[in-house]
Protein backbone atom coordinates (compact mmCIF):
# COMPACT_ATOMS: atom_id res chain seq x y z
CA UNK A 1 104.81 131.57 70.22
CA UNK A 2 104.76 130.40 73.39
CA UNK A 3 101.17 129.77 73.88
CA UNK A 4 101.58 128.20 70.69
CA UNK A 5 104.79 125.93 72.03
CA UNK A 6 102.73 125.31 75.32
CA UNK A 7 99.37 124.05 73.86
CA UNK A 8 101.35 121.60 71.69
CA UNK A 9 103.15 120.06 74.54
CA UNK A 10 99.73 119.91 76.67
CA UNK A 11 98.40 118.01 73.29
CA UNK A 12 101.37 115.60 73.13
CA UNK A 13 101.32 114.79 76.73
CA UNK A 14 97.22 114.31 76.38
CA UNK A 15 98.02 112.31 73.34
CA UNK A 16 100.90 109.96 75.05
CA UNK A 17 98.58 109.23 78.02
CA UNK A 18 95.90 107.84 75.97
CA UNK A 19 98.28 105.71 73.71
CA UNK A 20 100.09 104.08 76.13
CA UNK A 21 98.03 103.03 79.47
CA UNK A 22 99.31 102.72 82.93
CA UNK A 23 102.13 100.12 82.29
CA UNK A 24 101.96 99.09 86.20
CA UNK A 25 98.26 98.59 85.57
CA UNK A 26 99.04 96.27 82.67
CA UNK A 27 101.33 94.04 84.28
CA UNK A 28 100.79 90.46 85.39
CA UNK A 29 101.70 89.01 88.49
CA UNK A 30 104.08 86.41 87.42
CA UNK A 31 103.48 82.97 89.39
CA UNK A 32 105.93 79.59 90.02
CA UNK A 33 102.96 77.21 91.64
CA UNK A 34 105.16 74.74 93.41
CA UNK A 35 102.84 71.25 93.88
CA UNK A 36 102.29 68.16 94.68
CA UNK A 37 99.86 67.81 92.08
CA UNK A 38 96.15 65.98 92.39
CA UNK A 39 93.82 65.76 90.00
CA UNK A 40 90.85 68.67 90.72
CA UNK A 41 90.50 69.65 94.52
CA UNK A 42 92.16 70.76 95.73
CA UNK A 43 96.33 71.47 93.80
CA UNK A 44 94.53 70.86 90.20
CA UNK A 45 91.53 73.43 91.00
CA UNK A 46 94.43 75.64 92.15
CA UNK A 47 96.63 75.36 89.53
CA UNK A 48 93.46 75.81 86.97
CA UNK A 49 92.10 79.07 88.91
CA UNK A 50 95.29 80.81 88.21
CA UNK A 51 96.27 79.01 84.92
CA UNK A 52 92.63 81.06 84.27
CA UNK A 53 93.36 84.40 85.36
CA UNK A 54 93.90 87.09 83.32
CA UNK A 55 95.89 88.92 85.55
CA UNK A 56 98.15 86.07 86.46
CA UNK A 57 101.22 84.79 84.55
CA UNK A 58 101.96 81.31 85.59
CA UNK A 59 105.30 80.64 84.28
CA UNK A 60 105.16 76.90 85.45
CA UNK A 61 104.10 74.62 87.77
CA UNK A 62 106.78 72.69 89.37
CA UNK A 63 106.07 69.39 91.13
CA UNK A 64 107.49 67.85 94.38
CA UNK A 65 106.41 64.73 96.50
CA UNK A 66 103.61 64.95 98.78
CA UNK A 67 100.14 64.14 98.32
CA UNK A 68 101.03 61.95 95.66
CA UNK A 69 104.72 60.99 93.89
CA UNK A 70 106.58 62.88 91.54
CA UNK A 71 105.11 60.91 88.44
CA UNK A 72 102.06 61.44 89.52
CA UNK A 73 101.58 64.92 90.37
CA UNK A 74 103.64 65.42 86.47
CA UNK A 75 100.68 63.16 84.43
CA UNK A 76 97.82 65.06 86.36
CA UNK A 77 99.23 68.25 85.95
CA UNK A 78 99.71 67.83 82.47
CA UNK A 79 96.27 66.55 81.99
CA UNK A 80 94.65 69.22 83.83
CA UNK A 81 96.38 71.86 81.78
CA UNK A 82 95.45 69.81 78.60
CA UNK A 83 91.94 70.00 78.97
CA UNK A 84 91.61 73.46 79.67
CA UNK A 85 93.40 74.56 76.90
CA UNK A 86 96.13 75.55 78.80
CA UNK A 87 99.00 72.94 77.84
CA UNK A 88 101.49 75.83 76.92
CA UNK A 89 101.75 76.04 80.89
CA UNK A 90 105.08 73.98 81.09
CA UNK A 91 104.89 71.64 83.82
CA UNK A 92 108.83 70.69 85.42
CA UNK A 93 109.09 67.28 87.25
CA UNK A 94 110.87 68.24 90.66
CA UNK A 95 112.60 66.74 93.99
CA UNK A 96 110.58 62.88 94.70
CA UNK A 97 112.28 62.60 98.34
CA UNK A 98 111.86 64.61 101.25
CA UNK A 99 115.42 65.61 102.78
CA UNK A 100 115.86 63.60 105.75
CA UNK A 101 117.44 60.30 104.51
CA UNK A 102 114.81 57.39 104.78
CA UNK A 103 111.88 59.48 105.69
CA UNK A 104 109.35 57.16 104.69
CA UNK A 105 110.90 54.32 106.21
CA UNK A 106 110.62 56.19 110.26
CA UNK A 107 106.98 57.21 109.24
CA UNK A 108 105.53 53.84 110.67
CA UNK A 109 106.97 53.85 113.83
CA UNK A 110 106.86 57.61 114.56
CA UNK A 111 103.34 57.51 114.28
CA UNK A 112 103.09 54.80 116.63
CA UNK A 113 105.38 56.49 118.71
CA UNK A 114 103.73 59.97 118.79
CA UNK A 115 99.97 59.53 117.92
CA UNK A 116 97.90 59.84 114.86
CA UNK A 117 95.54 62.65 113.96
CA UNK A 118 94.95 61.19 110.35
CA UNK A 119 95.65 57.67 108.78
CA UNK A 120 96.20 60.01 105.93
CA UNK A 121 100.31 59.73 105.06
CA UNK A 122 100.18 60.45 101.10
CA UNK A 123 103.23 59.51 98.59
CA UNK A 124 104.59 57.46 101.97
CA UNK A 125 101.67 55.10 102.23
CA UNK A 126 102.29 53.10 98.66
CA UNK A 127 104.55 52.52 95.92
CA UNK A 128 105.95 55.05 93.64
CA UNK A 129 105.24 54.75 90.07
CA UNK A 130 107.57 53.64 87.33
CA UNK A 131 106.81 57.14 85.28
CA UNK A 132 104.70 60.18 84.66
CA UNK A 133 103.61 58.45 81.28
CA UNK A 134 102.65 54.75 82.67
CA UNK A 135 100.56 57.13 85.21
CA UNK A 136 99.06 58.80 82.55
CA UNK A 137 98.39 56.33 79.86
CA UNK A 138 97.12 53.86 82.91
CA UNK A 139 94.86 56.53 84.24
CA UNK A 140 93.86 58.00 81.07
CA UNK A 141 94.05 55.86 78.46
CA UNK A 142 95.66 57.88 75.56
CA UNK A 143 99.49 59.61 75.08
CA UNK A 144 99.43 63.33 76.45
CA UNK A 145 100.02 66.04 73.71
CA UNK A 146 102.62 67.41 75.79
CA UNK A 147 105.46 66.31 77.56
CA UNK A 148 107.10 68.04 80.87
CA UNK A 149 110.01 70.58 80.72
CA UNK A 150 113.49 68.66 80.11
CA UNK A 151 114.95 70.52 83.37
CA UNK A 152 114.94 69.99 87.03
CA UNK A 153 112.37 72.22 89.36
CA UNK A 154 115.14 73.50 91.37
CA UNK A 155 117.17 74.71 88.03
CA UNK A 156 113.78 76.39 86.50
CA UNK A 157 113.17 78.07 89.75
CA UNK A 158 116.34 79.76 89.86
CA UNK A 159 116.49 80.68 85.76
CA UNK A 160 113.33 82.06 86.31
CA UNK A 161 113.81 84.27 89.17
CA UNK A 162 117.04 85.37 87.75
CA UNK A 163 115.38 86.11 84.65
CA UNK A 164 112.46 88.03 86.33
CA UNK A 165 114.03 89.82 89.40
CA UNK A 166 111.56 91.38 92.13
CA UNK A 167 108.61 90.05 90.29
CA UNK A 168 108.09 86.09 91.05
CA UNK A 169 105.84 84.99 93.94
CA UNK A 170 106.59 81.28 94.36
CA UNK A 171 103.08 79.18 95.59
CA UNK A 172 104.20 76.42 97.45
CA UNK A 173 101.73 73.92 98.42
CA UNK A 174 103.32 71.02 98.77
CA UNK A 175 106.18 69.73 100.83
CA UNK A 176 109.13 72.56 100.51
CA UNK A 177 112.04 70.75 99.23
CA UNK A 178 111.85 72.02 95.63
CA UNK A 179 112.18 75.57 97.07
CA UNK A 180 114.47 74.86 100.27
CA UNK A 181 117.26 73.17 97.84
CA UNK A 182 116.85 76.45 95.29
CA UNK A 183 117.81 78.36 98.17
CA UNK A 184 120.65 76.54 99.01
CA UNK A 185 121.93 75.86 95.45
CA UNK A 186 121.17 79.62 94.49
CA UNK A 187 121.27 81.95 97.94
CA UNK A 188 121.23 84.83 95.35
CA UNK A 189 117.56 84.21 94.37
CA UNK A 190 116.51 84.84 97.64
CA UNK A 191 116.32 88.69 97.70
CA UNK A 192 114.97 88.63 93.61
CA UNK A 193 111.83 86.68 94.75
CA UNK A 194 108.68 89.02 95.59
CA UNK A 195 107.15 86.82 98.03
CA UNK A 196 106.39 83.37 99.18
CA UNK A 197 103.01 81.93 99.81
CA UNK A 198 102.86 78.48 101.62
CA UNK A 199 100.02 76.32 102.39
CA UNK A 200 101.57 74.60 105.62
CA UNK A 201 101.43 74.34 109.14
CA UNK A 202 99.24 74.93 112.03
CA UNK A 203 99.93 77.21 114.65
CA UNK A 204 97.56 77.91 117.00
CA UNK A 205 95.25 74.74 115.96
CA UNK A 206 96.19 70.86 116.63
CA UNK A 207 97.91 69.26 113.55
CA UNK A 208 95.87 66.86 111.43
CA UNK A 209 98.34 64.26 110.35
CA UNK A 210 99.83 64.25 114.03
CA UNK A 211 98.75 65.51 116.55
CA UNK A 212 100.69 68.67 116.51
CA UNK A 213 101.86 68.84 112.81
CA UNK A 214 100.14 69.40 109.44
CA UNK A 215 100.72 67.11 106.53
CA UNK A 216 103.07 69.15 104.32
CA UNK A 217 105.19 70.21 106.69
CA UNK A 218 105.43 67.06 108.65
CA UNK A 219 106.47 65.02 105.84
CA UNK A 220 109.31 66.96 105.12
CA UNK A 221 110.16 69.30 108.42
CA UNK A 222 113.40 69.89 107.62
CA UNK A 223 112.54 71.67 103.70
CA UNK A 224 110.02 74.18 105.37
CA UNK A 225 112.08 74.90 108.27
CA UNK A 226 114.86 76.17 105.57
CA UNK A 227 112.47 77.75 103.89
CA UNK A 228 110.68 79.92 106.53
CA UNK A 229 113.88 80.75 107.98
CA UNK A 230 115.39 82.18 104.69
CA UNK A 231 115.10 86.06 104.35
CA UNK A 232 112.40 86.43 101.75
CA UNK A 233 110.99 89.64 101.29
CA UNK A 234 107.35 88.46 102.24
CA UNK A 235 106.22 85.11 103.21
CA UNK A 236 102.61 84.54 103.74
CA UNK A 237 101.45 81.14 105.50
CA UNK A 238 98.06 79.07 104.98
CA UNK A 239 97.58 76.74 107.37
CA UNK A 240 95.57 74.95 109.21
CA UNK A 241 94.39 78.19 111.15
CA UNK A 242 92.34 79.19 108.86
CA UNK A 243 92.05 76.42 106.17
CA UNK A 244 89.64 74.38 108.86
CA UNK A 245 87.90 76.93 109.11
CA UNK A 246 85.89 76.35 106.16
CA UNK A 247 83.87 73.40 105.72
CA UNK A 248 83.78 71.35 102.33
CA UNK A 249 80.18 69.04 102.15
CA UNK A 250 78.75 67.05 100.21
CA UNK A 251 76.19 69.58 98.76
CA UNK A 252 78.86 72.04 97.95
CA UNK A 253 80.62 68.99 95.92
CA UNK A 254 77.89 68.34 94.01
CA UNK A 255 77.21 71.70 93.18
CA UNK A 256 81.03 72.26 91.67
CA UNK A 257 80.55 69.05 89.80
CA UNK A 258 77.77 69.76 88.39
CA UNK A 259 78.49 73.01 86.86
CA UNK A 260 81.97 72.04 85.47
CA UNK A 261 81.11 71.54 81.64
CA UNK A 262 84.86 70.40 80.80
CA UNK A 263 84.01 66.36 80.64
CA UNK A 264 87.63 65.24 81.62
CA UNK A 265 87.50 67.73 84.59
CA UNK A 266 83.95 66.36 85.42
CA UNK A 267 85.01 62.91 85.48
CA UNK A 268 87.84 63.67 87.54
CA UNK A 269 85.48 64.87 89.79
CA UNK A 270 83.49 62.31 89.69
CA UNK A 271 85.53 59.52 90.79
CA UNK A 272 87.82 61.98 93.17
CA UNK A 273 88.30 59.75 96.39
CA UNK A 274 86.47 63.19 97.85
CA UNK A 275 83.32 61.66 95.87
CA UNK A 276 83.76 58.17 97.54
CA UNK A 277 83.92 59.65 100.91
CA UNK A 278 81.04 61.33 100.50
CA UNK A 279 78.81 58.39 98.91
CA UNK A 280 80.21 56.50 101.98
CA UNK A 281 79.19 59.08 104.20
CA UNK A 282 76.56 62.03 103.39
CA UNK A 283 77.77 63.83 106.82
CA UNK A 284 81.46 63.34 106.22
CA UNK A 285 83.34 66.83 106.01
CA UNK A 286 86.03 67.63 104.20
CA UNK A 287 88.14 71.16 104.16
CA UNK A 288 89.88 72.78 101.25
CA UNK A 289 93.49 74.37 101.72
CA UNK A 290 95.29 74.87 98.69
CA UNK A 291 92.36 76.57 96.33
CA UNK A 292 92.98 79.29 99.39
CA UNK A 293 96.34 79.94 98.37
CA UNK A 294 95.48 80.57 94.55
CA UNK A 295 92.40 82.69 95.85
CA UNK A 296 94.39 85.30 97.87
CA UNK A 297 97.04 85.29 94.89
CA UNK A 298 93.83 86.35 92.83
CA UNK A 299 92.38 88.30 95.00
CA UNK A 300 94.28 89.82 98.29
CA UNK A 301 91.06 91.61 99.45
CA UNK A 302 89.47 87.62 100.57
CA UNK A 303 91.99 88.26 103.58
CA UNK A 304 89.72 89.67 106.84
CA UNK A 305 92.45 88.72 109.45
CA UNK A 306 96.31 87.66 110.06
CA UNK A 307 98.73 88.22 112.28
CA UNK A 308 102.24 88.88 111.74
CA UNK A 309 104.68 86.63 114.10
CA UNK A 310 108.34 84.93 113.84
CA UNK A 311 107.72 81.65 112.48
CA UNK A 312 109.93 78.38 113.23
CA UNK A 313 109.30 74.72 112.13
CA UNK A 314 110.24 72.00 114.57
CA UNK A 315 113.10 69.75 112.73
CA UNK A 316 113.78 67.67 116.53
CA UNK A 317 112.70 64.07 115.98
CA UNK A 318 110.07 63.72 118.61
CA UNK A 319 106.82 64.00 119.58
CA UNK A 320 106.27 67.60 117.77
CA UNK A 321 108.31 66.48 114.62
CA UNK A 322 107.24 69.22 112.11
CA UNK A 323 104.87 71.41 114.19
CA UNK A 324 104.83 75.37 113.38
CA UNK A 325 105.44 77.72 115.50
CA UNK A 326 104.64 81.40 116.03
CA UNK A 327 106.53 83.66 118.48
CA UNK A 328 105.80 87.46 119.29
CA UNK A 329 108.83 87.78 120.89
CA UNK A 330 111.95 86.49 122.05
CA UNK A 331 111.92 83.88 118.67
CA UNK A 332 114.93 81.34 118.09
CA UNK A 333 117.84 83.23 116.32
CA UNK A 334 117.53 82.74 112.89
CA UNK A 335 113.31 82.86 112.67
CA UNK A 336 111.91 85.51 110.10
CA UNK A 337 108.84 87.19 110.46
CA UNK A 338 105.62 85.61 108.04
CA UNK A 339 101.85 86.81 107.91
CA UNK A 340 100.07 84.04 109.10
CA UNK A 341 96.16 83.95 107.85
CA UNK A 342 93.64 83.60 110.30
CA UNK A 343 90.11 84.46 108.38
CA UNK A 344 89.34 84.95 104.79
CA UNK A 345 85.92 85.87 103.21
CA UNK A 346 84.42 81.99 102.58
CA UNK A 347 81.15 83.87 101.04
CA UNK A 348 83.34 85.32 98.05
CA UNK A 349 86.00 82.50 98.52
CA UNK A 350 83.04 80.15 97.03
CA UNK A 351 81.80 82.90 94.44
CA UNK A 352 85.30 82.82 93.27
CA UNK A 353 85.29 79.19 92.98
CA UNK A 354 81.82 78.29 91.55
CA UNK A 355 82.89 81.33 88.71
CA UNK A 356 86.20 79.35 87.56
CA UNK A 357 84.68 75.61 87.85
CA UNK A 358 81.87 76.88 85.71
CA UNK A 359 84.58 78.08 83.24
CA UNK A 360 86.41 74.76 83.09
């Protein structure tokens, strides 16, 4: 009788293991992508890679000022998600100005005083569009099939983190003002965030916008400083230290354009400012930035070299305004540790990008 009972129990366990696979293995990584969206390279490709990855649950795309104004970023995100059949992923407009009052008005004099790395200043260089609808209609000549969520990006971040405690990775690939504001308004979400991945900063190389600062963190140093000093469980930083090791040239751009099947996305590639640059100068060398953040989220084994340091951002107006700094020891009070990526597997990264481009 005991033997029979034992056999029944063993059989029940076996059936249970067959019927109910490991729940953790089936669990998707929940992501909020916080971005100053552009068409295709760089933010657009990063977003579409995440949206097309079966192991990723892209909860929403929050838009922030940076490379583009929020109305532009909203229109671009919606169009690209529509084009790849992912219009159900919500797009949420966010904060339209950096934290520092009148930041854009200071930029011209700042760059005269402190030097210019690259003439590019993103949204600070032109007027803000009237609305995302105006941008969409002007760019694409039609009406969108979906609208952004009727909620502020900051509130979306707070609500989603509370709804999924310990599960959400925030990938911040623009300025950090959405995330910085969220943790200031609702500090209770900080221990509930699984990790934060940034594209920003330059620790061991010169800046690309000023001699000392990388664009994203230079445009809003105060927001970046708030974020890196927040005690998140894990922070991963993709700065120029790794990005500028991966060159993006004309032949590679043509290859990616040629393998994209979707006519809307292919059209974006052909009119992209990069295509113009390559036509003007076939030897022009560009880089990719935000795609790396998506790629290492999809496959962390791409990371080949990194260091862990205490990090900070200089928010004092002066020569090194916006500079990212790293400390082994003797760090300023309030600094937190972060993983700074230095090298990734370039061949596998390009293979991943080719794979996704062929699916668009």
